[in-house]
Amino acid sequence: MQQSPRAASNPNTVGNWLINIIWIIFWAAVSFAALDVFGSTVTYILLPILFIGTILIWMFTSRRDRLNNLDEEEKQS
């Protein structure tokens, strides 16, 4: 049975959830470590920049994966 284009372009796999949970744990650990090492001023400026950077990387890579899935689906049809 073929998937709809929407289902094919939005993969909700266990792997994606696991990677997201690992990133959340990673950023929590980095936050506590940076607070101890650098102090509050640097931490409150640097961590949001790093966090937003991670979100942008995740958005662009997931978009790339969706486009690759759509390209593969077009080749199969």
N, C-alpha and C. Protein backbone atom coordinates (compact mmCIF):
# COMPACT_ATOMS: atom_id res chain seq x y z
N MET A 1 0.84 -1.18 0.00
CA MET A 1 0.00 0.00 0.00
C MET A 1 0.89 1.24 0.00
N GLN A 2 0.55 2.20 -0.85
CA GLN A 2 1.35 3.42 -0.93
C GLN A 2 0.93 4.41 0.14
N GLN A 3 1.94 5.16 0.62
CA GLN A 3 1.66 6.21 1.59
C GLN A 3 1.25 7.47 0.84
N SER A 4 0.49 8.29 1.54
CA SER A 4 0.18 9.59 0.96
C SER A 4 1.44 10.45 0.97
N PRO A 5 1.52 11.47 0.10
CA PRO A 5 2.70 12.34 0.11
C PRO A 5 2.94 12.99 1.46
N ARG A 6 1.87 13.32 2.16
CA ARG A 6 2.02 13.93 3.49
C ARG A 6 2.64 12.96 4.47
N ALA A 7 2.19 11.73 4.47
CA ALA A 7 2.76 10.73 5.38
C ALA A 7 4.21 10.44 5.04
N ALA A 8 4.53 10.42 3.76
CA ALA A 8 5.90 10.15 3.34
C ALA A 8 6.82 11.31 3.68
N SER A 9 6.29 12.53 3.68
CA SER A 9 7.14 13.69 3.94
C SER A 9 7.26 14.02 5.42
N ASN A 10 6.48 13.37 6.28
CA ASN A 10 6.53 13.62 7.72
C ASN A 10 6.80 12.33 8.48
N PRO A 11 8.02 11.82 8.41
CA PRO A 11 8.29 10.56 9.10
C PRO A 11 8.37 10.75 10.61
N ASN A 12 7.51 10.07 11.34
CA ASN A 12 7.53 10.12 12.80
C ASN A 12 8.06 8.80 13.31
N THR A 13 9.34 8.63 13.23
CA THR A 13 9.93 7.37 13.62
C THR A 13 10.47 7.45 15.03
N VAL A 14 10.67 6.29 15.60
CA VAL A 14 11.25 6.20 16.94
C VAL A 14 12.65 6.81 16.93
N GLY A 15 13.38 6.61 15.84
CA GLY A 15 14.72 7.17 15.74
C GLY A 15 14.74 8.68 15.85
N ASN A 16 13.79 9.34 15.19
CA ASN A 16 13.72 10.81 15.28
C ASN A 16 13.42 11.27 16.70
N TRP A 17 12.49 10.58 17.36
CA TRP A 17 12.17 10.93 18.75
C TRP A 17 13.36 10.70 19.65
N LEU A 18 14.08 9.61 19.44
CA LEU A 18 15.24 9.30 20.26
C LEU A 18 16.33 10.36 20.08
N ILE A 19 16.56 10.77 18.85
CA ILE A 19 17.56 11.81 18.59
C ILE A 19 17.15 13.12 19.27
N ASN A 20 15.88 13.47 19.21
CA ASN A 20 15.41 14.70 19.86
C ASN A 20 15.59 14.64 21.37
N ILE A 21 15.30 13.49 21.97
CA ILE A 21 15.47 13.34 23.42
C ILE A 21 16.94 13.44 23.79
N ILE A 22 17.82 12.86 22.98
CA ILE A 22 19.26 12.96 23.25
C ILE A 22 19.70 14.41 23.18
N TRP A 23 19.21 15.17 22.21
CA TRP A 23 19.57 16.59 22.13
C TRP A 23 19.09 17.35 23.36
N ILE A 24 17.89 17.07 23.83
CA ILE A 24 17.36 17.76 25.01
C ILE A 24 18.24 17.48 26.23
N ILE A 25 18.60 16.21 26.42
CA ILE A 25 19.47 15.85 27.55
C ILE A 25 20.84 16.51 27.39
N PHE A 26 21.36 16.53 26.17
CA PHE A 26 22.65 17.17 25.91
C PHE A 26 22.61 18.65 26.29
N TRP A 27 21.57 19.37 25.85
CA TRP A 27 21.51 20.80 26.15
C TRP A 27 21.29 21.07 27.63
N ALA A 28 20.57 20.20 28.32
CA ALA A 28 20.43 20.37 29.77
C ALA A 28 21.78 20.23 30.46
N ALA A 29 22.56 19.23 30.05
CA ALA A 29 23.90 19.03 30.63
C ALA A 29 24.81 20.20 30.30
N VAL A 30 24.78 20.67 29.06
CA VAL A 30 25.61 21.82 28.67
C VAL A 30 25.22 23.06 29.46
N SER A 31 23.93 23.25 29.69
CA SER A 31 23.47 24.42 30.44
C SER A 31 24.04 24.43 31.85
N PHE A 32 23.94 23.30 32.54
CA PHE A 32 24.45 23.23 33.91
C PHE A 32 25.97 23.37 33.95
N ALA A 33 26.66 22.75 33.00
CA ALA A 33 28.12 22.84 32.96
C ALA A 33 28.57 24.26 32.65
N ALA A 34 27.92 24.91 31.69
CA ALA A 34 28.30 26.27 31.32
C ALA A 34 28.03 27.25 32.46
N LEU A 35 26.98 27.02 33.20
CA LEU A 35 26.67 27.90 34.33
C LEU A 35 27.76 27.82 35.38
N ASP A 36 28.27 26.62 35.65
CA ASP A 36 29.35 26.46 36.63
C ASP A 36 30.67 27.02 36.11
N VAL A 37 30.96 26.79 34.83
CA VAL A 37 32.27 27.17 34.29
C VAL A 37 32.34 28.66 33.97
N PHE A 38 31.36 29.19 33.27
CA PHE A 38 31.45 30.55 32.75
C PHE A 38 30.72 31.59 33.60
N GLY A 39 29.80 31.18 34.41
CA GLY A 39 29.00 32.14 35.16
C GLY A 39 27.73 32.49 34.41
N SER A 40 26.87 33.23 35.07
CA SER A 40 25.53 33.43 34.54
C SER A 40 25.50 34.35 33.32
N THR A 41 26.31 35.40 33.27
CA THR A 41 26.22 36.36 32.17
C THR A 41 26.54 35.72 30.83
N VAL A 42 27.66 35.05 30.75
CA VAL A 42 28.06 34.41 29.49
C VAL A 42 27.08 33.30 29.13
N THR A 43 26.67 32.55 30.13
CA THR A 43 25.77 31.43 29.88
C THR A 43 24.44 31.89 29.31
N TYR A 44 23.87 32.96 29.87
CA TYR A 44 22.57 33.42 29.40
C TYR A 44 22.64 34.06 28.02
N ILE A 45 23.83 34.46 27.57
CA ILE A 45 23.99 35.00 26.22
C ILE A 45 24.34 33.89 25.23
N LEU A 46 25.28 33.03 25.61
CA LEU A 46 25.82 32.02 24.69
C LEU A 46 24.86 30.85 24.45
N LEU A 47 24.23 30.36 25.50
CA LEU A 47 23.39 29.17 25.34
C LEU A 47 22.19 29.38 24.41
N PRO A 48 21.47 30.50 24.51
CA PRO A 48 20.38 30.68 23.53
C PRO A 48 20.86 30.71 22.09
N ILE A 49 22.05 31.29 21.86
CA ILE A 49 22.60 31.32 20.50
C ILE A 49 22.88 29.89 20.03
N LEU A 50 23.51 29.09 20.88
CA LEU A 50 23.80 27.70 20.52
C LEU A 50 22.52 26.89 20.34
N PHE A 51 21.55 27.13 21.21
CA PHE A 51 20.29 26.40 21.15
C PHE A 51 19.54 26.73 19.86
N ILE A 52 19.47 28.00 19.50
CA ILE A 52 18.80 28.40 18.26
C ILE A 52 19.55 27.85 17.05
N GLY A 53 20.88 27.84 17.12
CA GLY A 53 21.67 27.24 16.05
C GLY A 53 21.35 25.77 15.86
N THR A 54 21.20 25.05 16.97
CA THR A 54 20.83 23.63 16.89
C THR A 54 19.46 23.45 16.26
N ILE A 55 18.52 24.29 16.64
CA ILE A 55 17.17 24.21 16.07
C ILE A 55 17.21 24.46 14.57
N LEU A 56 17.98 25.45 14.14
CA LEU A 56 18.08 25.74 12.70
C LEU A 56 18.71 24.58 11.94
N ILE A 57 19.77 24.01 12.50
CA ILE A 57 20.39 22.84 11.85
C ILE A 57 19.39 21.70 11.75
N TRP A 58 18.64 21.44 12.83
CA TRP A 58 17.65 20.37 12.82
C TRP A 58 16.56 20.64 11.78
N MET A 59 16.11 21.90 11.69
CA MET A 59 15.06 22.22 10.71
C MET A 59 15.55 22.00 9.29
N PHE A 60 16.76 22.46 8.98
CA PHE A 60 17.27 22.33 7.61
C PHE A 60 17.56 20.88 7.26
N THR A 61 18.06 20.09 8.21
CA THR A 61 18.34 18.69 7.89
C THR A 61 17.04 17.90 7.75
N SER A 62 16.04 18.20 8.57
CA SER A 62 14.77 17.48 8.42
C SER A 62 14.09 17.88 7.12
N ARG A 63 14.23 19.15 6.71
CA ARG A 63 13.67 19.59 5.43
C ARG A 63 14.37 18.87 4.29
N ARG A 64 15.70 18.74 4.38
CA ARG A 64 16.46 18.03 3.36
C ARG A 64 16.01 16.58 3.27
N ASP A 65 15.80 15.95 4.43
CA ASP A 65 15.35 14.56 4.44
C ASP A 65 13.97 14.42 3.80
N ARG A 66 13.07 15.37 4.10
CA ARG A 66 11.73 15.31 3.49
C ARG A 66 11.82 15.46 1.98
N LEU A 67 12.66 16.39 1.52
CA LEU A 67 12.82 16.58 0.07
C LEU A 67 13.41 15.34 -0.58
N ASN A 68 14.38 14.71 0.08
CA ASN A 68 14.95 13.47 -0.45
C ASN A 68 13.91 12.37 -0.53
N ASN A 69 13.04 12.28 0.48
CA ASN A 69 11.97 11.28 0.46
C ASN A 69 11.02 11.52 -0.70
N LEU A 70 10.69 12.80 -0.94
CA LEU A 70 9.79 13.11 -2.05
C LEU A 70 10.45 12.80 -3.39
N ASP A 71 11.75 13.09 -3.52
CA ASP A 71 12.47 12.78 -4.76
C ASP A 71 12.49 11.28 -5.02
N GLU A 72 12.73 10.49 -3.98
CA GLU A 72 12.75 9.04 -4.15
C GLU A 72 11.38 8.52 -4.54
N GLU A 73 10.34 9.12 -3.96
CA GLU A 73 8.98 8.70 -4.28
C GLU A 73 8.65 9.01 -5.75
N GLU A 74 9.11 10.17 -6.24
CA GLU A 74 8.87 10.52 -7.64
C GLU A 74 9.60 9.58 -8.58
N LYS A 75 10.81 9.17 -8.21
CA LYS A 75 11.57 8.25 -9.05
C LYS A 75 10.91 6.88 -9.13
N GLN A 76 10.25 6.47 -8.04
CA GLN A 76 9.60 5.16 -8.02
C GLN A 76 8.31 5.16 -8.83
N SER A 77 7.67 6.34 -8.97
CA SER A 77 6.41 6.35 -9.73
C SER A 77 6.62 6.48 -11.20
